[in-house]
């Protein structure tokens, strides 16, 4: 195993002190120093934190001697998440097809959310059990899937609405100020992207915002994303309440009334009353 020499190599590569690395993973400098000297092995939880800190897999940190790798090999290791996000590495997308061998649109309702993010997104059996349909207005050169959303964060799109999205292969093609369905290991969310990842950043991430201003924007790391689907349309059985239109109409009537009063007052002044 190469933990001790890899820690020295990585720390020097980052131009950090032992104190800085120890603080970053929540341990004492003395303990960290022992790991670099090879006098003790970090416990599993500390190993995981160290691997996350240096953006490497646990297997790479433990089993590969990074000091002997060529610069191109190192670059590939450290950019693995970026390459995956660009779709360079194969991401399996199970799909269902009809008897005509054309893609169906699978529906992921609220009751299937936990199963989908828990591994169902990559499970052919799980996907085959979902409700499927066709929509003739959709182009045939893209893959579509429908997800049911929860909550009022994207109001006026109501709770329980179904969002149809087209599959995004290259996550760096995501555009700011457009809406997408993000699948992570924690949730399925429908949000508007207000900032896209910087490919050169050490920890690239999306900033996601809601249409409902009561909800604050938040950050989703690139490495946390499982799938992205670009918003195409939504379906809902609820008719919009139209409160905004009613309020706007009332304001407009008040303005018109004030305008009439002003014109009447102006005519009275002109007539000398």
Protein backbone atom coordinates (compact mmCIF):
# COMPACT_ATOMS: atom_id res chain seq x y z
CA UNK A 1 0.00 0.00 0.00
CA UNK A 2 1.15 3.53 -0.81
CA UNK A 3 -0.78 5.68 1.67
CA UNK A 4 2.22 7.32 3.34
CA UNK A 5 4.14 8.22 0.17
CA UNK A 6 0.94 9.32 -1.57
CA UNK A 7 0.05 11.69 1.27
CA UNK A 8 3.49 13.30 1.02
CA UNK A 9 3.20 13.55 -2.76
CA UNK A 10 -0.31 15.01 -2.67
CA UNK A 11 0.44 17.49 0.11
CA UNK A 12 3.51 18.79 -1.75
CA UNK A 13 1.51 18.94 -4.98
CA UNK A 14 -1.09 21.11 -3.24
CA UNK A 15 1.68 23.14 -1.53
CA UNK A 16 0.07 22.62 1.87
CA UNK A 17 1.53 22.14 5.33
CA UNK A 18 0.85 19.15 7.52
CA UNK A 19 -1.21 21.40 9.79
CA UNK A 20 -3.43 22.49 6.90
CA UNK A 21 -4.12 18.91 5.77
CA UNK A 22 -4.74 17.75 9.34
CA UNK A 23 -7.16 20.62 9.98
CA UNK A 24 -8.97 19.95 6.70
CA UNK A 25 -9.82 16.37 7.70
CA UNK A 26 -10.38 17.06 11.37
CA UNK A 27 -7.40 15.31 12.98
CA UNK A 28 -4.30 16.39 14.95
CA UNK A 29 -1.05 17.24 13.22
CA UNK A 30 0.76 14.56 15.24
CA UNK A 31 -1.58 11.84 13.96
CA UNK A 32 -1.24 13.05 10.39
CA UNK A 33 2.55 13.15 10.68
CA UNK A 34 2.53 9.48 11.74
CA UNK A 35 0.52 8.61 8.60
CA UNK A 36 3.08 10.29 6.34
CA UNK A 37 5.94 8.51 8.10
CA UNK A 38 4.18 5.18 7.65
CA UNK A 39 4.21 4.51 11.39
CA UNK A 40 0.43 4.10 11.52
CA UNK A 41 -2.44 3.64 9.08
CA UNK A 42 -5.34 6.12 9.03
CA UNK A 43 -8.67 4.59 10.14
CA UNK A 44 -11.23 4.10 7.38
CA UNK A 45 -13.20 7.29 8.09
CA UNK A 46 -10.02 9.39 7.92
CA UNK A 47 -8.91 7.63 4.73
CA UNK A 48 -12.24 8.51 3.11
CA UNK A 49 -11.90 12.15 4.16
CA UNK A 50 -8.35 12.30 2.79
CA UNK A 51 -9.44 10.76 -0.52
CA UNK A 52 -12.29 13.29 -0.78
CA UNK A 53 -9.93 16.14 0.09
CA UNK A 54 -7.60 15.28 -2.78
CA UNK A 55 -10.48 14.37 -5.17
CA UNK A 56 -9.29 10.80 -5.59
CA UNK A 57 -10.93 7.42 -5.15
CA UNK A 58 -10.05 5.50 -2.01
CA UNK A 59 -8.60 2.71 -4.15
CA UNK A 60 -6.25 5.16 -5.91
CA UNK A 61 -5.06 6.68 -2.65
CA UNK A 62 -4.24 3.29 -1.17
CA UNK A 63 -3.10 1.15 -4.12
CA UNK A 64 -1.42 3.44 -6.69
CA UNK A 65 2.03 4.94 -6.29
CA UNK A 66 1.26 8.43 -7.57
CA UNK A 67 4.87 9.58 -7.45
CA UNK A 68 5.87 7.29 -10.34
CA UNK A 69 2.99 8.19 -12.67
CA UNK A 70 3.47 10.37 -15.74
CA UNK A 71 1.88 13.82 -15.74
CA UNK A 72 -0.71 12.69 -18.31
CA UNK A 73 -1.71 9.76 -16.07
CA UNK A 74 -2.03 12.06 -13.08
CA UNK A 75 -4.13 14.50 -15.07
CA UNK A 76 -6.48 11.70 -16.05
CA UNK A 77 -6.84 10.60 -12.41
CA UNK A 78 -7.56 14.08 -11.10
CA UNK A 79 -9.94 14.93 -13.96
CA UNK A 80 -11.93 11.71 -13.77
CA UNK A 81 -15.09 13.48 -12.53
CA UNK A 82 -14.80 16.12 -15.26
CA UNK A 83 -14.38 13.47 -17.97
CA UNK A 84 -17.39 11.60 -16.63
CA UNK A 85 -19.44 14.81 -16.62
CA UNK A 86 -18.55 15.42 -20.24
CA UNK A 87 -19.85 11.97 -21.12
CA UNK A 88 -16.41 10.74 -22.18
CA UNK A 89 -16.84 7.70 -19.96
CA UNK A 90 -19.85 5.54 -20.78
CA UNK A 91 -22.89 6.16 -18.58
CA UNK A 92 -25.46 3.39 -18.91
CA UNK A 93 -29.01 4.66 -19.44
CA UNK A 94 -31.55 1.82 -19.33
CA UNK A 95 -34.50 2.50 -21.63
CA UNK A 96 -37.70 0.76 -22.66
CA UNK A 97 -38.78 0.39 -26.28
CA UNK A 98 -42.02 -0.52 -27.99
CA UNK A 99 -42.68 -3.30 -30.48
CA UNK A 100 -41.54 -0.89 -33.19
CA UNK A 101 -38.13 -0.67 -31.42
CA UNK A 102 -38.64 3.05 -30.71
CA UNK A 103 -38.00 4.61 -27.29
CA UNK A 104 -40.83 5.01 -24.82
CA UNK A 105 -41.11 7.82 -22.30
CA UNK A 106 -40.87 6.34 -18.81
CA UNK A 107 -42.74 8.01 -15.93
CA UNK A 108 -41.15 8.30 -12.47
CA UNK A 109 -43.98 9.14 -10.02
CA UNK A 110 -43.51 10.25 -6.40
CA UNK A 111 -43.78 6.69 -5.12
CA UNK A 112 -40.85 5.58 -7.31
CA UNK A 113 -38.48 8.42 -6.39
CA UNK A 114 -36.61 6.58 -3.63
CA UNK A 115 -36.09 3.53 -5.82
CA UNK A 116 -34.92 5.61 -8.76
CA UNK A 117 -32.23 7.54 -6.87
CA UNK A 118 -31.31 4.44 -4.87
CA UNK A 119 -29.99 2.68 -7.96
CA UNK A 120 -33.09 2.24 -10.09
CA UNK A 121 -31.84 4.82 -12.57
CA UNK A 122 -29.29 2.24 -13.73
CA UNK A 123 -31.41 -0.88 -13.27
CA UNK A 124 -33.00 -2.32 -16.42
CA UNK A 125 -35.54 -4.26 -14.33
CA UNK A 126 -36.62 -1.16 -12.38
CA UNK A 127 -37.00 0.96 -15.53
CA UNK A 128 -39.02 -1.77 -17.25
CA UNK A 129 -41.60 -1.68 -14.43
CA UNK A 130 -42.30 2.06 -14.82
CA UNK A 131 -45.36 3.33 -16.66
CA UNK A 132 -44.51 4.13 -20.29
CA UNK A 133 -46.12 6.23 -23.01
CA UNK A 134 -45.47 7.98 -26.32
CA UNK A 135 -45.95 11.63 -27.20
CA UNK A 136 -46.03 12.20 -30.98
CA UNK A 137 -44.93 15.84 -30.78
CA UNK A 138 -41.48 14.87 -29.45
CA UNK A 139 -38.49 14.64 -31.82
CA UNK A 140 -37.17 11.10 -32.20
CA UNK A 141 -33.50 12.01 -31.95
CA UNK A 142 -33.54 12.54 -28.17
CA UNK A 143 -34.32 10.41 -25.12
CA UNK A 144 -37.12 11.63 -22.82
CA UNK A 145 -38.25 10.74 -19.30
CA UNK A 146 -40.96 12.20 -17.07
CA UNK A 147 -40.61 12.94 -13.33
CA UNK A 148 -43.24 13.99 -10.81
CA UNK A 149 -42.13 16.91 -8.64
CA UNK A 150 -42.95 17.71 -5.02
CA UNK A 151 -43.44 21.00 -3.17
CA UNK A 152 -43.97 24.60 -4.21
CA UNK A 153 -40.37 25.67 -4.87
CA UNK A 154 -41.07 26.02 -8.61
CA UNK A 155 -44.46 27.71 -8.21
CA UNK A 156 -46.51 28.55 -10.32
CA UNK A 157 -45.74 24.99 -11.50
CA UNK A 158 -47.81 23.14 -8.87
CA UNK A 159 -46.91 20.37 -6.46
CA UNK A 160 -47.44 16.99 -8.11
CA UNK A 161 -46.93 18.23 -11.67
CA UNK A 162 -45.10 15.98 -14.13
CA UNK A 163 -41.98 17.40 -15.77
CA UNK A 164 -40.82 15.99 -19.10
CA UNK A 165 -37.09 16.20 -19.69
CA UNK A 166 -34.66 15.28 -22.44
CA UNK A 167 -31.48 13.45 -21.47
CA UNK A 168 -28.28 15.53 -21.18
CA UNK A 169 -25.16 13.53 -22.05
CA UNK A 170 -22.58 16.29 -21.58
CA UNK A 171 -23.21 18.08 -18.30
CA UNK A 172 -20.98 20.96 -19.37
CA UNK A 173 -23.54 21.72 -22.10
CA UNK A 174 -26.04 22.83 -19.42
CA UNK A 175 -26.98 26.50 -19.88
CA UNK A 176 -27.49 29.19 -17.28
CA UNK A 177 -31.04 30.51 -16.80
CA UNK A 178 -32.56 27.30 -18.15
CA UNK A 179 -34.42 24.69 -16.11
CA UNK A 180 -33.38 21.07 -15.62
CA UNK A 181 -34.23 17.98 -13.61
CA UNK A 182 -31.23 16.95 -11.50
CA UNK A 183 -30.93 13.40 -10.21
CA UNK A 184 -28.58 12.99 -7.24
CA UNK A 185 -28.11 10.25 -4.69
CA UNK A 186 -30.24 12.36 -2.32
CA UNK A 187 -33.14 13.65 -4.39
CA UNK A 188 -34.82 14.43 -7.68
CA UNK A 189 -35.08 18.20 -8.09
CA UNK A 190 -36.44 20.51 -10.76
CA UNK A 191 -34.56 23.80 -10.71
CA UNK A 192 -33.23 26.68 -12.78
CA UNK A 193 -29.45 26.77 -13.23
CA UNK A 194 -27.98 30.15 -12.28
CA UNK A 195 -24.30 29.14 -12.46
CA UNK A 196 -22.58 26.26 -14.26
CA UNK A 197 -19.43 24.38 -13.15
CA UNK A 198 -16.00 25.74 -13.94
CA UNK A 199 -14.10 22.90 -15.58
CA UNK A 200 -10.84 24.18 -14.05
CA UNK A 201 -12.19 24.46 -10.50
CA UNK A 202 -10.97 22.04 -7.85
CA UNK A 203 -14.56 21.30 -6.82
CA UNK A 204 -16.86 22.18 -9.76
CA UNK A 205 -20.55 22.64 -8.93
CA UNK A 206 -23.90 23.93 -10.18
CA UNK A 207 -25.82 26.71 -8.45
CA UNK A 208 -29.54 25.88 -8.56
CA UNK A 209 -32.39 28.31 -7.94
CA UNK A 210 -36.16 28.05 -7.53
CA UNK A 211 -38.86 30.07 -9.27
CA UNK A 212 -40.34 30.68 -5.82
CA UNK A 213 -38.19 33.43 -4.29
CA UNK A 214 -38.86 32.12 -0.77
CA UNK A 215 -36.31 29.37 -1.47
CA UNK A 216 -32.62 30.25 -1.43
CA UNK A 217 -30.26 29.08 -4.21
CA UNK A 218 -27.96 26.21 -3.32
CA UNK A 219 -24.89 24.39 -4.59
CA UNK A 220 -24.76 20.87 -6.07
CA UNK A 221 -21.31 19.40 -6.66
CA UNK A 222 -20.65 17.89 -10.05
CA UNK A 223 -19.57 14.64 -8.42
CA UNK A 224 -22.97 14.33 -6.68
CA UNK A 225 -24.95 14.32 -9.94
CA UNK A 226 -26.26 11.04 -11.37
CA UNK A 227 -28.33 12.34 -14.30
CA UNK A 228 -29.52 15.62 -15.82
CA UNK A 229 -32.65 16.08 -17.93
CA UNK A 230 -33.41 19.33 -19.76
CA UNK A 231 -36.90 20.75 -19.21
CA UNK A 232 -39.19 20.22 -22.20
CA UNK A 233 -42.74 20.66 -20.86
CA UNK A 234 -44.88 20.00 -17.82
CA UNK A 235 -48.28 18.40 -17.28
CA UNK A 236 -50.67 19.03 -14.42
CA UNK A 237 -54.29 18.36 -13.58
CA UNK A 238 -54.42 21.59 -11.54
CA UNK A 239 -55.65 24.79 -13.17
CA UNK A 240 -53.47 27.79 -12.19
CA UNK A 241 -55.20 29.98 -9.62
CA UNK A 242 -54.56 33.19 -11.52
CA UNK A 243 -54.18 35.28 -8.38
CA UNK A 244 -51.47 37.38 -9.96
CA UNK A 245 -53.72 38.19 -12.92
CA UNK A 246 -56.55 39.22 -10.58
CA UNK A 247 -54.25 41.44 -8.55
CA UNK A 248 -52.81 42.99 -11.71
CA UNK A 249 -56.34 43.69 -12.99
CA UNK A 250 -57.27 45.40 -9.73
CA UNK A 251 -54.16 47.58 -9.87
CA UNK A 252 -54.88 48.45 -13.50
CA UNK A 253 -58.47 49.48 -12.65
CA UNK A 254 -57.18 51.69 -9.84
CA UNK A 255 -54.75 53.39 -12.23
CA UNK A 256 -57.54 53.96 -14.74
CA UNK A 257 -59.73 55.42 -11.97
CA UNK A 258 -56.97 57.80 -10.88
CA UNK A 259 -56.45 58.81 -14.51
CA UNK A 260 -60.16 59.66 -14.87
CA UNK A 261 -60.10 61.68 -11.63
CA UNK A 262 -57.03 63.56 -12.83
CA UNK A 263 -58.63 64.37 -16.18
CA UNK A 264 -61.81 65.55 -14.43
CA UNK A 265 -59.77 67.75 -12.08
CA UNK A 266 -57.83 69.18 -15.03
CA UNK A 267 -61.05 70.03 -16.88
CA UNK A 268 -62.46 71.69 -13.75
CA UNK A 269 -59.32 73.85 -13.40
CA UNK A 270 -59.45 74.79 -17.07
CA UNK A 271 -63.13 75.77 -16.75
CA UNK A 272 -62.30 77.95 -13.75
CA UNK A 273 -64.34 76.03 -11.24
